[in-house]
Amino acid sequence: MGYELLMFEKKHMLSILLFVHDRGGCTRMELYNGVANNDGMPGKLAVLEEHGLIKQSLVPISHAMQIDLTRKGDQVVEHLKAIEGLISV
């Protein structure tokens, strides 16, 4: 077992997953406007995609990049929401 969880120490990683989950998917621009718009975001999306949590695909008509959670990504978010429920006061 490695240190895959350490990816969540990077700023916005959890926010990205929660944003995409809560919207049932979004475009890259919607994500940038809703979470953060900085030079590091494409790299963060690449890390999440490499770990199989999101998938990015080109929307042919608009040339926008669509971001969706994978099944694995949905499962991770459900666990995060369960943890949130446990620590909520």
Protein backbone atom coordinates (compact mmCIF):
# COMPACT_ATOMS: atom_id res chain seq x y z
CA MET A 1 0.00 0.00 0.00
CA GLY A 2 1.39 3.38 -1.00
CA TYR A 3 0.62 6.91 0.00
CA GLU A 4 -2.18 7.65 -2.45
CA LEU A 5 -4.18 9.48 0.23
CA LEU A 6 -1.51 12.16 0.32
CA MET A 7 -2.88 13.52 -2.95
CA PHE A 8 -5.75 14.93 -0.90
CA GLU A 9 -3.34 17.15 1.01
CA LYS A 10 -3.02 19.33 -2.08
CA LYS A 11 -5.26 22.37 -2.01
CA HIS A 12 -8.66 21.96 -3.70
CA MET A 13 -8.45 18.21 -4.33
CA LEU A 14 -11.42 17.38 -2.10
CA SER A 15 -13.30 20.46 -3.27
CA ILE A 16 -12.91 19.33 -6.88
CA LEU A 17 -14.42 15.91 -6.15
CA LEU A 18 -17.29 17.36 -4.12
CA PHE A 19 -18.06 20.04 -6.72
CA VAL A 20 -18.19 17.54 -9.58
CA HIS A 21 -20.28 15.12 -7.50
CA ASP A 22 -22.79 17.72 -6.34
CA ARG A 23 -23.41 18.84 -9.93
CA GLY A 24 -23.49 15.40 -11.51
CA GLY A 25 -20.56 16.46 -13.68
CA CYS A 26 -19.46 19.83 -15.00
CA THR A 27 -17.30 21.53 -17.57
CA ARG A 28 -13.76 22.54 -16.77
CA MET A 29 -14.78 26.22 -16.86
CA GLU A 30 -17.63 25.61 -14.38
CA LEU A 31 -15.15 23.90 -12.09
CA TYR A 32 -12.60 26.70 -12.41
CA ASN A 33 -15.28 29.31 -11.68
CA GLY A 34 -16.74 27.33 -8.78
CA VAL A 35 -13.60 26.06 -7.05
CA ALA A 36 -10.43 27.81 -8.20
CA ASN A 37 -8.93 29.22 -11.34
CA ASN A 38 -5.17 28.88 -11.11
CA ASP A 39 -2.31 27.36 -13.03
CA GLY A 40 -2.25 24.25 -10.83
CA MET A 41 -5.77 23.05 -11.61
CA PRO A 42 -4.96 21.09 -14.81
CA GLY A 43 -2.30 19.15 -12.92
CA LYS A 44 -4.70 18.38 -10.08
CA LEU A 45 -7.29 17.14 -12.55
CA ALA A 46 -4.62 14.96 -14.18
CA VAL A 47 -3.75 13.40 -10.80
CA LEU A 48 -7.41 12.66 -10.04
CA GLU A 49 -7.80 11.15 -13.50
CA GLU A 50 -4.63 9.05 -13.15
CA HIS A 51 -6.05 7.60 -9.92
CA GLY A 52 -9.32 6.76 -11.68
CA LEU A 53 -11.51 9.19 -9.74
CA ILE A 54 -12.57 11.44 -12.62
CA LYS A 55 -12.71 11.26 -16.39
CA GLN A 56 -12.30 14.19 -18.73
CA SER A 57 -13.79 14.18 -22.19
CA LEU A 58 -14.12 16.70 -24.97
CA VAL A 59 -17.65 17.86 -25.75
CA PRO A 60 -17.53 17.95 -29.58
CA ILE A 61 -20.04 20.71 -30.24
CA SER A 62 -18.73 23.25 -27.73
CA HIS A 63 -15.11 22.05 -27.49
CA ALA A 64 -15.49 22.27 -23.71
CA MET A 65 -13.91 19.68 -21.44
CA GLN A 66 -16.52 17.71 -19.50
CA ILE A 67 -15.49 16.34 -16.11
CA ASP A 68 -17.37 13.44 -14.55
CA LEU A 69 -16.71 11.22 -11.58
CA THR A 70 -16.01 7.59 -12.28
CA ARG A 71 -17.70 4.86 -10.28
CA LYS A 72 -14.61 4.81 -8.08
CA GLY A 73 -14.81 8.60 -7.68
CA ASP A 74 -18.47 8.34 -6.64
CA GLN A 75 -17.53 5.75 -4.03
CA VAL A 76 -14.78 7.97 -2.64
CA VAL A 77 -17.16 10.92 -2.35
CA GLU A 78 -19.78 8.79 -0.62
CA HIS A 79 -17.15 7.80 1.96
CA LEU A 80 -16.13 11.44 2.38
CA LYS A 81 -19.75 12.43 2.99
CA ALA A 82 -20.09 9.62 5.55
CA ILE A 83 -17.00 10.94 7.36
CA GLU A 84 -18.49 14.43 7.26
CA GLY A 85 -21.65 13.06 8.86
CA LEU A 86 -19.61 11.46 11.63
CA ILE A 87 -17.77 14.65 12.53
CA SER A 88 -20.65 17.10 12.12
CA VAL A 89 -21.81 18.57 15.37
